[in-house]
Amino acid sequence: MKDMENNNKFQNFLSELWKSFEKTGSISAFLLYSDLKKKIKKNKEIKVKKADANN
């Protein structure tokens, strides 16, 4: 349950970060957004690999 709550907060943070990029055109906001999205993707891949290894 706590993971879902944290994930929801994180998704909201990413959404707000993207909105600020759209409004300001800030390259740093875009780079931060892009970096965090890549980390999410890697974490999901790691979780899948761990789950497969446990089964």
PDB file of N, CA and C in Angstrom:
ATOM      1  N   MET A   1       0.829  -1.196   0.000  1.00  0.00           N
ATOM      2  CA  MET A   1       0.000   0.000   0.000  1.00  0.00           C
ATOM      3  C   MET A   1       0.873   1.258   0.000  1.00  0.00           C
ATOM      4  N   LYS A   2       1.927   1.234   0.803  1.00  0.00           N
ATOM      5  CA  LYS A   2       2.808   2.392   0.884  1.00  0.00           C
ATOM      6  C   LYS A   2       3.506   2.632  -0.455  1.00  0.00           C
ATOM      7  N   ASP A   3       3.884   1.541  -1.146  1.00  0.00           N
ATOM      8  CA  ASP A   3       4.504   1.675  -2.468  1.00  0.00           C
ATOM      9  C   ASP A   3       3.575   2.375  -3.445  1.00  0.00           C
ATOM     10  N   MET A   4       2.303   2.015  -3.402  1.00  0.00           N
ATOM     11  CA  MET A   4       1.330   2.630  -4.306  1.00  0.00           C
ATOM     12  C   MET A   4       1.184   4.117  -4.007  1.00  0.00           C
ATOM     13  N   GLU A   5       1.170   4.459  -2.744  1.00  0.00           N
ATOM     14  CA  GLU A   5       1.040   5.859  -2.345  1.00  0.00           C
ATOM     15  C   GLU A   5       2.270   6.657  -2.788  1.00  0.00           C
ATOM     16  N   ASN A   6       3.445   6.087  -2.565  1.00  0.00           N
ATOM     17  CA  ASN A   6       4.675   6.751  -2.990  1.00  0.00           C
ATOM     18  C   ASN A   6       4.732   6.881  -4.507  1.00  0.00           C
ATOM     19  N   ASN A   7       4.307   5.843  -5.209  1.00  0.00           N
ATOM     20  CA  ASN A   7       4.299   5.873  -6.666  1.00  0.00           C
ATOM     21  C   ASN A   7       3.356   6.960  -7.170  1.00  0.00           C
ATOM     22  N   ASN A   8       2.206   7.090  -6.540  1.00  0.00           N
ATOM     23  CA  ASN A   8       1.240   8.114  -6.932  1.00  0.00           C
ATOM     24  C   ASN A   8       1.825   9.511  -6.726  1.00  0.00           C
ATOM     25  N   LYS A   9       2.477   9.725  -5.597  1.00  0.00           N
ATOM     26  CA  LYS A   9       3.106  11.021  -5.324  1.00  0.00           C
ATOM     27  C   LYS A   9       4.206  11.306  -6.344  1.00  0.00           C
ATOM     28  N   PHE A  10       4.976  10.286  -6.671  1.00  0.00           N
ATOM     29  CA  PHE A  10       6.058  10.443  -7.633  1.00  0.00           C
ATOM     30  C   PHE A  10       5.504  10.763  -9.022  1.00  0.00           C
ATOM     31  N   GLN A  11       4.432  10.086  -9.415  1.00  0.00           N
ATOM     32  CA  GLN A  11       3.810  10.365 -10.715  1.00  0.00           C
ATOM     33  C   GLN A  11       3.269  11.787 -10.754  1.00  0.00           C
ATOM     34  N   ASN A  12       2.698  12.244  -9.651  1.00  0.00           N
ATOM     35  CA  ASN A  12       2.218  13.632  -9.577  1.00  0.00           C
ATOM     36  C   ASN A  12       3.381  14.612  -9.698  1.00  0.00           C
ATOM     37  N   PHE A  13       4.495  14.284  -9.059  1.00  0.00           N
ATOM     38  CA  PHE A  13       5.688  15.124  -9.154  1.00  0.00           C
ATOM     39  C   PHE A  13       6.170  15.207 -10.599  1.00  0.00           C
ATOM     40  N   LEU A  14       6.221  14.059 -11.285  1.00  0.00           N
ATOM     41  CA  LEU A  14       6.643  14.054 -12.689  1.00  0.00           C
ATOM     42  C   LEU A  14       5.694  14.878 -13.549  1.00  0.00           C
ATOM     43  N   SER A  15       4.416  14.763 -13.270  1.00  0.00           N
ATOM     44  CA  SER A  15       3.420  15.528 -14.021  1.00  0.00           C
ATOM     45  C   SER A  15       3.626  17.027 -13.834  1.00  0.00           C
ATOM     46  N   GLU A  16       3.849  17.446 -12.608  1.00  0.00           N
ATOM     47  CA  GLU A  16       4.084  18.866 -12.327  1.00  0.00           C
ATOM     48  C   GLU A  16       5.391  19.346 -12.957  1.00  0.00           C
ATOM     49  N   LEU A  17       6.389  18.496 -12.938  1.00  0.00           N
ATOM     50  CA  LEU A  17       7.669  18.838 -13.554  1.00  0.00           C
ATOM     51  C   LEU A  17       7.498  19.049 -15.057  1.00  0.00           C
ATOM     52  N   TRP A  18       6.722  18.168 -15.690  1.00  0.00           N
ATOM     53  CA  TRP A  18       6.466  18.311 -17.125  1.00  0.00           C
ATOM     54  C   TRP A  18       5.684  19.594 -17.411  1.00  0.00           C
ATOM     55  N   LYS A  19       4.704  19.886 -16.578  1.00  0.00           N
ATOM     56  CA  LYS A  19       3.920  21.116 -16.773  1.00  0.00           C
ATOM     57  C   LYS A  19       4.809  22.348 -16.658  1.00  0.00           C
ATOM     58  N   SER A  20       5.741  22.330 -15.707  1.00  0.00           N
ATOM     59  CA  SER A  20       6.628  23.486 -15.558  1.00  0.00           C
ATOM     60  C   SER A  20       7.545  23.611 -16.766  1.00  0.00           C
ATOM     61  N   PHE A  21       7.959  22.480 -17.339  1.00  0.00           N
ATOM     62  CA  PHE A  21       8.763  22.529 -18.563  1.00  0.00           C
ATOM     63  C   PHE A  21       7.962  23.141 -19.701  1.00  0.00           C
ATOM     64  N   GLU A  22       6.711  22.717 -19.839  1.00  0.00           N
ATOM     65  CA  GLU A  22       5.868  23.251 -20.914  1.00  0.00           C
ATOM     66  C   GLU A  22       5.656  24.758 -20.767  1.00  0.00           C
ATOM     67  N   LYS A  23       5.473  25.215 -19.543  1.00  0.00           N
ATOM     68  CA  LYS A  23       5.221  26.642 -19.312  1.00  0.00           C
ATOM     69  C   LYS A  23       6.468  27.492 -19.499  1.00  0.00           C
ATOM     70  N   THR A  24       7.606  26.990 -19.011  1.00  0.00           N
ATOM     71  CA  THR A  24       8.813  27.816 -18.987  1.00  0.00           C
ATOM     72  C   THR A  24       9.816  27.488 -20.082  1.00  0.00           C
ATOM     73  N   GLY A  25       9.748  26.283 -20.611  1.00  0.00           N
ATOM     74  CA  GLY A  25      10.742  25.860 -21.589  1.00  0.00           C
ATOM     75  C   GLY A  25      12.097  25.587 -20.951  1.00  0.00           C
ATOM     76  N   SER A  26      12.102  25.400 -19.648  1.00  0.00           N
ATOM     77  CA  SER A  26      13.345  25.188 -18.902  1.00  0.00           C
ATOM     78  C   SER A  26      13.985  23.854 -19.290  1.00  0.00           C
ATOM     79  N   ILE A  27      15.199  23.929 -19.815  1.00  0.00           N
ATOM     80  CA  ILE A  27      15.908  22.714 -20.204  1.00  0.00           C
ATOM     81  C   ILE A  27      16.254  21.867 -18.983  1.00  0.00           C
ATOM     82  N   SER A  28      16.510  22.498 -17.852  1.00  0.00           N
ATOM     83  CA  SER A  28      16.834  21.724 -16.648  1.00  0.00           C
ATOM     84  C   SER A  28      15.622  20.920 -16.173  1.00  0.00           C
ATOM     85  N   ALA A  29      14.426  21.480 -16.285  1.00  0.00           N
ATOM     86  CA  ALA A  29      13.214  20.735 -15.922  1.00  0.00           C
ATOM     87  C   ALA A  29      13.041  19.547 -16.858  1.00  0.00           C
ATOM     88  N   PHE A  30      13.297  19.756 -18.146  1.00  0.00           N
ATOM     89  CA  PHE A  30      13.177  18.664 -19.110  1.00  0.00           C
ATOM     90  C   PHE A  30      14.199  17.570 -18.828  1.00  0.00           C
ATOM     91  N   LEU A  31      15.443  17.956 -18.565  1.00  0.00           N
ATOM     92  CA  LEU A  31      16.486  16.968 -18.306  1.00  0.00           C
ATOM     93  C   LEU A  31      16.204  16.178 -17.033  1.00  0.00           C
ATOM     94  N   LEU A  32      15.722  16.846 -16.000  1.00  0.00           N
ATOM     95  CA  LEU A  32      15.365  16.157 -14.762  1.00  0.00           C
ATOM     96  C   LEU A  32      14.219  15.185 -15.009  1.00  0.00           C
ATOM     97  N   TYR A  33      13.207  15.629 -15.727  1.00  0.00           N
ATOM     98  CA  TYR A  33      12.068  14.772 -16.067  1.00  0.00           C
ATOM     99  C   TYR A  33      12.547  13.541 -16.838  1.00  0.00           C
ATOM    100  N   SER A  34      13.357  13.763 -17.843  1.00  0.00           N
ATOM    101  CA  SER A  34      13.863  12.677 -18.678  1.00  0.00           C
ATOM    102  C   SER A  34      14.679  11.680 -17.860  1.00  0.00           C
ATOM    103  N   ASP A  35      15.534  12.181 -16.995  1.00  0.00           N
ATOM    104  CA  ASP A  35      16.368  11.322 -16.158  1.00  0.00           C
ATOM    105  C   ASP A  35      15.520  10.478 -15.213  1.00  0.00           C
ATOM    106  N   LEU A  36      14.529  11.077 -14.602  1.00  0.00           N
ATOM    107  CA  LEU A  36      13.666  10.342 -13.674  1.00  0.00           C
ATOM    108  C   LEU A  36      12.849   9.278 -14.398  1.00  0.00           C
ATOM    109  N   LYS A  37      12.380   9.574 -15.603  1.00  0.00           N
ATOM    110  CA  LYS A  37      11.626   8.582 -16.383  1.00  0.00           C
ATOM    111  C   LYS A  37      12.508   7.382 -16.727  1.00  0.00           C
ATOM    112  N   LYS A  38      13.775   7.627 -17.061  1.00  0.00           N
ATOM    113  CA  LYS A  38      14.708   6.535 -17.362  1.00  0.00           C
ATOM    114  C   LYS A  38      14.935   5.671 -16.128  1.00  0.00           C
ATOM    115  N   LYS A  39      15.061   6.306 -14.964  1.00  0.00           N
ATOM    116  CA  LYS A  39      15.273   5.561 -13.725  1.00  0.00           C
ATOM    117  C   LYS A  39      14.061   4.694 -13.395  1.00  0.00           C
ATOM    118  N   ILE A  40      12.871   5.209 -13.643  1.00  0.00           N
ATOM    119  CA  ILE A  40      11.651   4.432 -13.409  1.00  0.00           C
ATOM    120  C   ILE A  40      11.653   3.193 -14.287  1.00  0.00           C
ATOM    121  N   LYS A  41      11.997   3.374 -15.546  1.00  0.00           N
ATOM    122  CA  LYS A  41      12.016   2.256 -16.488  1.00  0.00           C
ATOM    123  C   LYS A  41      13.020   1.195 -16.042  1.00  0.00           C
ATOM    124  N   LYS A  42      14.212   1.619 -15.626  1.00  0.00           N
ATOM    125  CA  LYS A  42      15.227   0.676 -15.165  1.00  0.00           C
ATOM    126  C   LYS A  42      14.762  -0.067 -13.920  1.00  0.00           C
ATOM    127  N   ASN A  43      14.132   0.645 -12.984  1.00  0.00           N
ATOM    128  CA  ASN A  43      13.644   0.012 -11.758  1.00  0.00           C
ATOM    129  C   ASN A  43      12.582  -1.033 -12.061  1.00  0.00           C
ATOM    130  N   LYS A  44      11.704  -0.750 -13.012  1.00  0.00           N
ATOM    131  CA  LYS A  44      10.680  -1.721 -13.391  1.00  0.00           C
ATOM    132  C   LYS A  44      11.320  -2.959 -13.997  1.00  0.00           C
ATOM    133  N   GLU A  45      12.341  -2.774 -14.839  1.00  0.00           N
ATOM    134  CA  GLU A  45      13.030  -3.906 -15.449  1.00  0.00           C
ATOM    135  C   GLU A  45      13.718  -4.753 -14.392  1.00  0.00           C
ATOM    136  N   ILE A  46      14.321  -4.120 -13.406  1.00  0.00           N
ATOM    137  CA  ILE A  46      14.998  -4.846 -12.331  1.00  0.00           C
ATOM    138  C   ILE A  46      13.988  -5.652 -11.522  1.00  0.00           C
ATOM    139  N   LYS A  47      12.831  -5.050 -11.213  1.00  0.00           N
ATOM    140  CA  LYS A  47      11.801  -5.754 -10.445  1.00  0.00           C
ATOM    141  C   LYS A  47      11.305  -6.977 -11.203  1.00  0.00           C
ATOM    142  N   VAL A  48      11.137  -6.854 -12.517  1.00  0.00           N
ATOM    143  CA  VAL A  48      10.674  -7.982 -13.330  1.00  0.00           C
ATOM    144  C   VAL A  48      11.723  -9.090 -13.328  1.00  0.00           C
ATOM    145  N   LYS A  49      12.983  -8.728 -13.473  1.00  0.00           N
ATOM    146  CA  LYS A  49      14.056  -9.724 -13.469  1.00  0.00           C
ATOM    147  C   LYS A  49      14.126 -10.440 -12.128  1.00  0.00           C
ATOM    148  N   LYS A  50      13.974  -9.697 -11.028  1.00  0.00           N
ATOM    149  CA  LYS A  50      14.003 -10.310  -9.698  1.00  0.00           C
ATOM    150  C   LYS A  50      12.818 -11.248  -9.520  1.00  0.00           C
ATOM    151  N   ALA A  51      11.660 -10.839  -9.995  1.00  0.00           N
ATOM    152  CA  ALA A  51      10.469 -11.678  -9.880  1.00  0.00           C
ATOM    153  C   ALA A  51      10.646 -12.959 -10.689  1.00  0.00           C
ATOM    154  N   ASP A  52      11.218 -12.844 -11.881  1.00  0.00           N
ATOM    155  CA  ASP A  52      11.462 -14.023 -12.709  1.00  0.00           C
ATOM    156  C   ASP A  52      12.475 -14.951 -12.053  1.00  0.00           C
ATOM    157  N   ALA A  53      13.486 -14.388 -11.425  1.00  0.00           N
ATOM    158  CA  ALA A  53      14.515 -15.188 -10.766  1.00  0.00           C
ATOM    159  C   ALA A  53      13.948 -15.931  -9.559  1.00  0.00           C
ATOM    160  N   ASN A  54      12.984 -15.333  -8.883  1.00  0.00           N
ATOM    161  CA  ASN A  54      12.383 -15.960  -7.705  1.00  0.00           C
ATOM    162  C   ASN A  54      11.404 -17.062  -8.074  1.00  0.00           C
ATOM    163  N   ASN A  55      10.910 -17.049  -9.281  1.00  0.00           N
ATOM    164  CA  ASN A  55       9.928 -18.067  -9.701  1.00  0.00           C
ATOM    165  C   ASN A  55      10.618 -19.177 -10.352  1.00  0.00           C
TER     166      ASN A  55
END
